Amino acid sequence: MKKYQSSFILIIILLLFWEIYVRAEFINMRILPPPSHIFEALYSHWNSLFPHVFQTLLEAMMGFLIAVILGFALAVLLDISPKINKTIYPLLIISQTVPIIALAPLLLLWFGFGILPKIIIVVLYCFFPIAIAGADGLFQTKKQFMKLLKSMNASYWQGLLLVRLPSSLPSFFSGLKIAATYSVAGAIVGEFVGAYQGLGVYMQQAANSYSIDLVFASIFLTIILSFLILFGVTIVEKRIIRS
């Protein structure tokens, strides 16, 4: 926690400046409410907010976990065969030029307004950094380790499990951390396009009723959820790498 102490202090200073700036009436509170109003709205509307928070967290977590499995599987597939790598890797890069938000309406048409389209959108957001980071980690295994494996007549899978996978973990977890920050945002993008419940829906309802404090409260909760998932990934990383 000590290494983040300066960041927490900076956040507190910015919040205090924000509070003072609005209280001094440099800007209308209806346009930019002070942090105290936002936290008050968050507390007073928590009962109505909680189902939306839970829905968004569920979508983000399910999509993130599926993206981890698919991303890792593709990373191994790219590593197994140079031909597969040369064929799929460029297509993977090209796929990122398509704005995912443009696919969201199509997913809603194909799969309805349930949870499935949101999970797919989260997977699309999170899949790429996981797959690329995992593949790069496997590619960068030190040559002396590879020569040692060949001298011991180790199979590909033995080399993968004993040497290459452990050495690629730092790179793999870097991709996981990036994907973790995308997961909640991906779920909210899906909810913006069409949903019955979720923080994206709540934000739209609050904005339509000009409840700007509730919009900011929803944004604050989005940040908290993203940090919780990122924090979970960091804990898993420390335990696995230490072991």
C-alpha atoms as a PDB file:
ATOM      1  CA  MET A   1       0.000   0.000   0.000  1.00  0.00           C
ATOM      2  CA  LYS A   2       2.917   2.363   0.638  1.00  0.00           C
ATOM      3  CA  LYS A   3       3.820   2.601  -3.047  1.00  0.00           C
ATOM      4  CA  TYR A   4       0.282   3.886  -3.781  1.00  0.00           C
ATOM      5  CA  GLN A   5       0.301   6.386  -0.916  1.00  0.00           C
ATOM      6  CA  SER A   6       1.267   9.333  -3.130  1.00  0.00           C
ATOM      7  CA  SER A   7      -1.528   8.436  -5.578  1.00  0.00           C
ATOM      8  CA  PHE A   8      -4.123   8.412  -2.781  1.00  0.00           C
ATOM      9  CA  ILE A   9      -2.876  11.777  -1.532  1.00  0.00           C
ATOM     10  CA  LEU A  10      -3.130  13.243  -5.047  1.00  0.00           C
ATOM     11  CA  ILE A  11      -6.702  11.917  -5.423  1.00  0.00           C
ATOM     12  CA  ILE A  12      -7.713  13.487  -2.094  1.00  0.00           C
ATOM     13  CA  ILE A  13      -6.157  16.817  -3.109  1.00  0.00           C
ATOM     14  CA  LEU A  14      -8.013  16.774  -6.446  1.00  0.00           C
ATOM     15  CA  LEU A  15     -11.316  15.953  -4.720  1.00  0.00           C
ATOM     16  CA  LEU A  16     -10.797  18.793  -2.231  1.00  0.00           C
ATOM     17  CA  PHE A  17      -9.993  21.210  -5.056  1.00  0.00           C
ATOM     18  CA  TRP A  18     -13.102  20.022  -6.919  1.00  0.00           C
ATOM     19  CA  GLU A  19     -15.256  20.536  -3.802  1.00  0.00           C
ATOM     20  CA  ILE A  20     -13.893  24.028  -3.131  1.00  0.00           C
ATOM     21  CA  TYR A  21     -14.141  25.059  -6.789  1.00  0.00           C
ATOM     22  CA  VAL A  22     -17.830  24.117  -7.010  1.00  0.00           C
ATOM     23  CA  ARG A  23     -18.698  25.480  -3.551  1.00  0.00           C
ATOM     24  CA  ALA A  24     -17.140  28.802  -4.547  1.00  0.00           C
ATOM     25  CA  GLU A  25     -19.748  28.892  -7.362  1.00  0.00           C
ATOM     26  CA  PHE A  26     -17.253  29.027 -10.203  1.00  0.00           C
ATOM     27  CA  ILE A  27     -19.575  26.544 -11.904  1.00  0.00           C
ATOM     28  CA  ASN A  28     -23.223  25.617 -11.470  1.00  0.00           C
ATOM     29  CA  MET A  29     -23.758  22.639  -9.133  1.00  0.00           C
ATOM     30  CA  ARG A  30     -26.395  21.272 -11.501  1.00  0.00           C
ATOM     31  CA  ILE A  31     -23.724  20.914 -14.181  1.00  0.00           C
ATOM     32  CA  LEU A  32     -20.887  19.712 -11.952  1.00  0.00           C
ATOM     33  CA  PRO A  33     -21.968  18.574  -8.475  1.00  0.00           C
ATOM     34  CA  PRO A  34     -19.323  18.573  -5.723  1.00  0.00           C
ATOM     35  CA  PRO A  35     -17.938  15.222  -4.514  1.00  0.00           C
ATOM     36  CA  SER A  36     -19.912  15.531  -1.260  1.00  0.00           C
ATOM     37  CA  HIS A  37     -23.195  15.580  -3.229  1.00  0.00           C
ATOM     38  CA  ILE A  38     -22.065  12.621  -5.325  1.00  0.00           C
ATOM     39  CA  PHE A  39     -21.222  10.480  -2.289  1.00  0.00           C
ATOM     40  CA  GLU A  40     -24.462  11.553  -0.611  1.00  0.00           C
ATOM     41  CA  ALA A  41     -26.429  10.481  -3.707  1.00  0.00           C
ATOM     42  CA  LEU A  42     -24.497   7.208  -3.784  1.00  0.00           C
ATOM     43  CA  TYR A  43     -25.399   6.496  -0.160  1.00  0.00           C
ATOM     44  CA  SER A  44     -29.062   7.495  -0.405  1.00  0.00           C
ATOM     45  CA  HIS A  45     -29.691   5.582  -3.666  1.00  0.00           C
ATOM     46  CA  TRP A  46     -27.607   2.506  -2.866  1.00  0.00           C
ATOM     47  CA  ASN A  47     -30.613   0.171  -2.631  1.00  0.00           C
ATOM     48  CA  SER A  48     -31.672   1.032  -6.175  1.00  0.00           C
ATOM     49  CA  LEU A  49     -28.073   1.039  -7.438  1.00  0.00           C
ATOM     50  CA  PHE A  50     -27.032  -2.342  -6.052  1.00  0.00           C
ATOM     51  CA  PRO A  51     -28.921  -4.569  -8.569  1.00  0.00           C
ATOM     52  CA  HIS A  52     -27.362  -2.577 -11.421  1.00  0.00           C
ATOM     53  CA  VAL A  53     -23.887  -2.856  -9.875  1.00  0.00           C
ATOM     54  CA  PHE A  54     -24.284  -6.608  -9.423  1.00  0.00           C
ATOM     55  CA  GLN A  55     -25.489  -7.068 -13.012  1.00  0.00           C
ATOM     56  CA  THR A  56     -22.549  -5.147 -14.482  1.00  0.00           C
ATOM     57  CA  LEU A  57     -20.050  -6.974 -12.262  1.00  0.00           C
ATOM     58  CA  LEU A  58     -21.532 -10.337 -13.284  1.00  0.00           C
ATOM     59  CA  GLU A  59     -21.263  -9.489 -16.991  1.00  0.00           C
ATOM     60  CA  ALA A  60     -17.712  -8.177 -16.589  1.00  0.00           C
ATOM     61  CA  MET A  61     -16.474 -11.174 -14.579  1.00  0.00           C
ATOM     62  CA  MET A  62     -18.038 -13.808 -16.849  1.00  0.00           C
ATOM     63  CA  GLY A  63     -16.739 -12.122 -19.992  1.00  0.00           C
ATOM     64  CA  PHE A  64     -13.291 -11.636 -18.460  1.00  0.00           C
ATOM     65  CA  LEU A  65     -12.967 -15.287 -17.394  1.00  0.00           C
ATOM     66  CA  ILE A  66     -14.043 -16.531 -20.833  1.00  0.00           C
ATOM     67  CA  ALA A  67     -11.553 -14.127 -22.447  1.00  0.00           C
ATOM     68  CA  VAL A  68      -8.772 -15.504 -20.209  1.00  0.00           C
ATOM     69  CA  ILE A  69      -9.487 -19.080 -21.322  1.00  0.00           C
ATOM     70  CA  LEU A  70      -9.812 -18.215 -25.022  1.00  0.00           C
ATOM     71  CA  GLY A  71      -6.855 -15.819 -24.970  1.00  0.00           C
ATOM     72  CA  PHE A  72      -4.544 -18.351 -23.341  1.00  0.00           C
ATOM     73  CA  ALA A  73      -5.685 -21.099 -25.723  1.00  0.00           C
ATOM     74  CA  LEU A  74      -4.993 -18.891 -28.746  1.00  0.00           C
ATOM     75  CA  ALA A  75      -1.584 -17.863 -27.356  1.00  0.00           C
ATOM     76  CA  VAL A  76      -0.582 -21.538 -27.124  1.00  0.00           C
ATOM     77  CA  LEU A  77      -2.012 -22.203 -30.597  1.00  0.00           C
ATOM     78  CA  LEU A  78       0.042 -19.352 -32.067  1.00  0.00           C
ATOM     79  CA  ASP A  79       3.125 -20.753 -30.368  1.00  0.00           C
ATOM     80  CA  ILE A  80       2.632 -24.352 -31.546  1.00  0.00           C
ATOM     81  CA  SER A  81       2.865 -23.686 -35.272  1.00  0.00           C
ATOM     82  CA  PRO A  82       4.668 -20.867 -37.139  1.00  0.00           C
ATOM     83  CA  LYS A  83       2.219 -21.357 -40.035  1.00  0.00           C
ATOM     84  CA  ILE A  84      -0.783 -20.847 -37.761  1.00  0.00           C
ATOM     85  CA  ASN A  85       0.970 -17.832 -36.268  1.00  0.00           C
ATOM     86  CA  LYS A  86       1.569 -16.227 -39.669  1.00  0.00           C
ATOM     87  CA  THR A  87      -2.049 -16.880 -40.673  1.00  0.00           C
ATOM     88  CA  ILE A  88      -3.941 -15.853 -37.533  1.00  0.00           C
ATOM     89  CA  TYR A  89      -1.734 -13.117 -36.033  1.00  0.00           C
ATOM     90  CA  PRO A  90      -2.360 -10.555 -38.833  1.00  0.00           C
ATOM     91  CA  LEU A  91      -6.100 -11.299 -38.714  1.00  0.00           C
ATOM     92  CA  LEU A  92      -6.024 -10.751 -34.964  1.00  0.00           C
ATOM     93  CA  ILE A  93      -4.437  -7.330 -35.483  1.00  0.00           C
ATOM     94  CA  ILE A  94      -6.905  -6.402 -38.240  1.00  0.00           C
ATOM     95  CA  SER A  95      -9.846  -7.373 -36.014  1.00  0.00           C
ATOM     96  CA  GLN A  96      -8.892  -4.574 -33.621  1.00  0.00           C
ATOM     97  CA  THR A  97      -9.544  -1.959 -36.314  1.00  0.00           C
ATOM     98  CA  VAL A  98     -13.272  -2.743 -36.101  1.00  0.00           C
ATOM     99  CA  PRO A  99     -14.928  -0.589 -33.387  1.00  0.00           C
ATOM    100  CA  ILE A 100     -16.578  -3.002 -30.973  1.00  0.00           C
ATOM    101  CA  ILE A 101     -19.347  -0.522 -30.216  1.00  0.00           C
ATOM    102  CA  ALA A 102     -20.396  -0.865 -33.871  1.00  0.00           C
ATOM    103  CA  LEU A 103     -20.872  -4.610 -33.349  1.00  0.00           C
ATOM    104  CA  ALA A 104     -23.003  -4.162 -30.223  1.00  0.00           C
ATOM    105  CA  PRO A 105     -26.311  -3.464 -32.059  1.00  0.00           C
ATOM    106  CA  LEU A 106     -25.761  -6.548 -34.228  1.00  0.00           C
ATOM    107  CA  LEU A 107     -25.136  -8.721 -31.175  1.00  0.00           C
ATOM    108  CA  LEU A 108     -28.368  -7.436 -29.639  1.00  0.00           C
ATOM    109  CA  LEU A 109     -30.276  -8.288 -32.817  1.00  0.00           C
ATOM    110  CA  TRP A 110     -28.772 -11.778 -32.930  1.00  0.00           C
ATOM    111  CA  PHE A 111     -28.897 -12.688 -29.222  1.00  0.00           C
ATOM    112  CA  GLY A 112     -31.539 -10.389 -27.712  1.00  0.00           C
ATOM    113  CA  PHE A 113     -31.406  -8.078 -24.700  1.00  0.00           C
ATOM    114  CA  GLY A 114     -30.232 -10.692 -22.192  1.00  0.00           C
ATOM    115  CA  ILE A 115     -26.820 -11.118 -20.612  1.00  0.00           C
ATOM    116  CA  LEU A 116     -25.198 -13.008 -23.521  1.00  0.00           C
ATOM    117  CA  PRO A 117     -24.523 -10.001 -25.840  1.00  0.00           C
ATOM    118  CA  LYS A 118     -22.863  -8.102 -22.972  1.00  0.00           C
ATOM    119  CA  ILE A 119     -20.634 -11.068 -22.149  1.00  0.00           C
ATOM    120  CA  ILE A 120     -19.614 -11.351 -25.809  1.00  0.00           C
ATOM    121  CA  ILE A 121     -18.760  -7.635 -25.907  1.00  0.00           C
ATOM    122  CA  VAL A 122     -16.619  -7.989 -22.760  1.00  0.00           C
ATOM    123  CA  VAL A 123     -14.851 -10.988 -24.326  1.00  0.00           C
ATOM    124  CA  LEU A 124     -14.136  -8.944 -27.464  1.00  0.00           C
ATOM    125  CA  TYR A 125     -12.692  -6.120 -25.357  1.00  0.00           C
ATOM    126  CA  CYS A 126     -10.528  -8.382 -23.161  1.00  0.00           C
ATOM    127  CA  PHE A 127      -9.495 -11.152 -25.543  1.00  0.00           C
ATOM    128  CA  PHE A 128      -6.905  -9.280 -27.629  1.00  0.00           C
ATOM    129  CA  PRO A 129      -4.516  -8.028 -24.888  1.00  0.00           C
ATOM    130  CA  ILE A 130      -4.572 -11.433 -23.175  1.00  0.00           C
ATOM    131  CA  ALA A 131      -3.834 -13.383 -26.361  1.00  0.00           C
ATOM    132  CA  ILE A 132      -1.111 -11.020 -27.579  1.00  0.00           C
ATOM    133  CA  ALA A 133       0.622 -10.720 -24.193  1.00  0.00           C
ATOM    134  CA  GLY A 134       0.498 -14.492 -23.674  1.00  0.00           C
ATOM    135  CA  ALA A 135       1.847 -15.229 -27.156  1.00  0.00           C
ATOM    136  CA  ASP A 136       4.651 -12.666 -26.800  1.00  0.00           C
ATOM    137  CA  GLY A 137       5.598 -14.157 -23.435  1.00  0.00           C
ATOM    138  CA  LEU A 138       5.876 -17.640 -24.963  1.00  0.00           C
ATOM    139  CA  PHE A 139       7.857 -16.349 -27.953  1.00  0.00           C
ATOM    140  CA  GLN A 140      10.388 -14.634 -25.685  1.00  0.00           C
ATOM    141  CA  THR A 141      11.497 -17.746 -23.808  1.00  0.00           C
ATOM    142  CA  LYS A 142      15.281 -17.581 -23.447  1.00  0.00           C
ATOM    143  CA  LYS A 143      17.186 -19.562 -26.080  1.00  0.00           C
ATOM    144  CA  GLN A 144      19.390 -21.320 -23.524  1.00  0.00           C
ATOM    145  CA  PHE A 145      16.281 -22.818 -21.942  1.00  0.00           C
ATOM    146  CA  MET A 146      15.093 -24.053 -25.337  1.00  0.00           C
ATOM    147  CA  LYS A 147      18.483 -25.648 -26.061  1.00  0.00           C
ATOM    148  CA  LEU A 148      18.412 -27.348 -22.662  1.00  0.00           C
ATOM    149  CA  LEU A 149      14.952 -28.770 -23.379  1.00  0.00           C
ATOM    150  CA  LYS A 150      16.083 -30.125 -26.753  1.00  0.00           C
ATOM    151  CA  SER A 151      19.151 -31.739 -25.197  1.00  0.00           C
ATOM    152  CA  MET A 152      16.862 -33.532 -22.727  1.00  0.00           C
ATOM    153  CA  ASN A 153      14.518 -34.693 -25.534  1.00  0.00           C
ATOM    154  CA  ALA A 154      11.598 -32.953 -23.854  1.00  0.00           C
ATOM    155  CA  SER A 155       8.298 -32.847 -25.747  1.00  0.00           C
ATOM    156  CA  TYR A 156       6.606 -29.567 -26.641  1.00  0.00           C
ATOM    157  CA  TRP A 157       4.067 -29.919 -23.840  1.00  0.00           C
ATOM    158  CA  GLN A 158       6.739 -30.773 -21.266  1.00  0.00           C
ATOM    159  CA  GLY A 159       8.689 -27.698 -22.297  1.00  0.00           C
ATOM    160  CA  LEU A 160       5.522 -25.600 -22.195  1.00  0.00           C
ATOM    161  CA  LEU A 161       4.507 -26.681 -18.693  1.00  0.00           C
ATOM    162  CA  LEU A 162       7.967 -26.807 -17.102  1.00  0.00           C
ATOM    163  CA  VAL A 163       9.761 -23.832 -18.672  1.00  0.00           C
ATOM    164  CA  ARG A 164       7.932 -21.729 -21.236  1.00  0.00           C
ATOM    165  CA  LEU A 165       4.675 -21.157 -19.374  1.00  0.00           C
ATOM    166  CA  PRO A 166       6.349 -20.160 -16.070  1.00  0.00           C
ATOM    167  CA  SER A 167       8.732 -17.796 -17.892  1.00  0.00           C
ATOM    168  CA  SER A 168       5.834 -16.183 -19.797  1.00  0.00           C
ATOM    169  CA  LEU A 169       3.718 -15.478 -16.700  1.00  0.00           C
ATOM    170  CA  PRO A 170       4.878 -11.848 -16.182  1.00  0.00           C
ATOM    171  CA  SER A 171       3.919 -10.982 -19.762  1.00  0.00           C
ATOM    172  CA  PHE A 172       0.663 -12.944 -19.511  1.00  0.00           C
ATOM    173  CA  PHE A 173      -0.374 -11.137 -16.331  1.00  0.00           C
ATOM    174  CA  SER A 174       0.434  -7.783 -17.929  1.00  0.00           C
ATOM    175  CA  GLY A 175      -2.181  -8.614 -20.547  1.00  0.00           C
ATOM    176  CA  LEU A 176      -4.603  -9.729 -17.837  1.00  0.00           C
ATOM    177  CA  LYS A 177      -4.248  -6.402 -16.023  1.00  0.00           C
ATOM    178  CA  ILE A 178      -4.996  -4.450 -19.190  1.00  0.00           C
ATOM    179  CA  ALA A 179      -7.991  -6.675 -19.917  1.00  0.00           C
ATOM    180  CA  ALA A 180      -9.247  -6.307 -16.333  1.00  0.00           C
ATOM    181  CA  THR A 181      -9.540  -2.542 -16.791  1.00  0.00           C
ATOM    182  CA  TYR A 182     -11.472  -3.079 -20.045  1.00  0.00           C
ATOM    183  CA  SER A 183     -13.963  -5.597 -18.666  1.00  0.00           C
ATOM    184  CA  VAL A 184     -16.330  -3.262 -16.811  1.00  0.00           C
ATOM    185  CA  ALA A 185     -16.188  -0.661 -19.586  1.00  0.00           C
ATOM    186  CA  GLY A 186     -17.074  -3.378 -22.102  1.00  0.00           C
ATOM    187  CA  ALA A 187     -20.094  -4.442 -20.057  1.00  0.00           C
ATOM    188  CA  ILE A 188     -21.314  -0.844 -19.826  1.00  0.00           C
ATOM    189  CA  VAL A 189     -20.918  -0.342 -23.587  1.00  0.00           C
ATOM    190  CA  GLY A 190     -23.217  -3.319 -24.118  1.00  0.00           C
ATOM    191  CA  GLU A 191     -25.711  -1.916 -21.611  1.00  0.00           C
ATOM    192  CA  PHE A 192     -25.700   1.479 -23.321  1.00  0.00           C
ATOM    193  CA  VAL A 193     -26.844  -0.108 -26.572  1.00  0.00           C
ATOM    194  CA  GLY A 194     -29.634  -2.120 -24.991  1.00  0.00           C
ATOM    195  CA  ALA A 195     -30.285  -3.786 -21.639  1.00  0.00           C
ATOM    196  CA  TYR A 196     -32.820  -4.082 -18.860  1.00  0.00           C
ATOM    197  CA  GLN A 197     -30.372  -3.653 -15.987  1.00  0.00           C
ATOM    198  CA  GLY A 198     -26.804  -2.537 -15.299  1.00  0.00           C
ATOM    199  CA  LEU A 199     -24.794   0.594 -14.574  1.00  0.00           C
ATOM    200  CA  GLY A 200     -24.984   1.607 -18.236  1.00  0.00           C
ATOM    201  CA  VAL A 201     -28.787   1.560 -18.045  1.00  0.00           C
ATOM    202  CA  TYR A 202     -28.742   3.436 -14.734  1.00  0.00           C
ATOM    203  CA  MET A 203     -26.424   6.124 -16.167  1.00  0.00           C
ATOM    204  CA  GLN A 204     -28.764   6.691 -19.094  1.00  0.00           C
ATOM    205  CA  GLN A 205     -31.806   6.918 -16.827  1.00  0.00           C
ATOM    206  CA  ALA A 206     -30.011   9.355 -14.509  1.00  0.00           C
ATOM    207  CA  ALA A 207     -28.835  11.495 -17.439  1.00  0.00           C
ATOM    208  CA  ASN A 208     -32.334  11.584 -18.953  1.00  0.00           C
ATOM    209  CA  SER A 209     -33.723  12.829 -15.626  1.00  0.00           C
ATOM    210  CA  TYR A 210     -30.856  15.369 -15.288  1.00  0.00           C
ATOM    211  CA  SER A 211     -29.624  13.700 -12.083  1.00  0.00           C
ATOM    212  CA  ILE A 212     -25.983  14.528 -12.736  1.00  0.00           C
ATOM    213  CA  ASP A 213     -24.941  13.494  -9.226  1.00  0.00           C
ATOM    214  CA  LEU A 214     -26.224   9.958  -9.915  1.00  0.00           C
ATOM    215  CA  VAL A 215     -24.387   9.883 -13.249  1.00  0.00           C
ATOM    216  CA  PHE A 216     -21.150  10.686 -11.405  1.00  0.00           C
ATOM    217  CA  ALA A 217     -22.032   8.124  -8.722  1.00  0.00           C
ATOM    218  CA  SER A 218     -22.367   5.486 -11.460  1.00  0.00           C
ATOM    219  CA  ILE A 219     -19.013   6.528 -12.927  1.00  0.00           C
ATOM    220  CA  PHE A 220     -17.440   6.255  -9.471  1.00  0.00           C
ATOM    221  CA  LEU A 221     -18.845   2.727  -9.074  1.00  0.00           C
ATOM    222  CA  THR A 222     -17.518   1.804 -12.523  1.00  0.00           C
ATOM    223  CA  ILE A 223     -14.031   2.841 -11.417  1.00  0.00           C
ATOM    224  CA  ILE A 224     -14.366   0.874  -8.168  1.00  0.00           C
ATOM    225  CA  LEU A 225     -15.472  -2.300  -9.986  1.00  0.00           C
ATOM    226  CA  SER A 226     -12.569  -2.012 -12.436  1.00  0.00           C
ATOM    227  CA  PHE A 227     -10.108  -1.617  -9.569  1.00  0.00           C
ATOM    228  CA  LEU A 228     -11.601  -4.617  -7.744  1.00  0.00           C
ATOM    229  CA  ILE A 229     -11.086  -6.884 -10.755  1.00  0.00           C
ATOM    230  CA  LEU A 230      -7.586  -5.468 -11.291  1.00  0.00           C
ATOM    231  CA  PHE A 231      -6.800  -5.978  -7.599  1.00  0.00           C
ATOM    232  CA  GLY A 232      -7.970  -9.598  -7.834  1.00  0.00           C
ATOM    233  CA  VAL A 233      -5.688 -10.212 -10.827  1.00  0.00           C
ATOM    234  CA  THR A 234      -2.761  -8.643  -8.939  1.00  0.00           C
ATOM    235  CA  ILE A 235      -3.313 -10.912  -5.918  1.00  0.00           C
ATOM    236  CA  VAL A 236      -3.454 -14.023  -8.131  1.00  0.00           C
ATOM    237  CA  GLU A 237      -0.292 -12.880  -9.932  1.00  0.00           C
ATOM    238  CA  LYS A 238       1.659 -12.472  -6.694  1.00  0.00           C
ATOM    239  CA  ARG A 239       0.589 -15.864  -5.362  1.00  0.00           C
ATOM    240  CA  ILE A 240       1.321 -17.758  -8.586  1.00  0.00           C
ATOM    241  CA  ILE A 241       4.674 -16.103  -9.317  1.00  0.00           C
ATOM    242  CA  ARG A 242       5.833 -16.506  -5.709  1.00  0.00           C
ATOM    243  CA  SER A 243       4.905 -20.195  -5.746  1.00  0.00           C
END
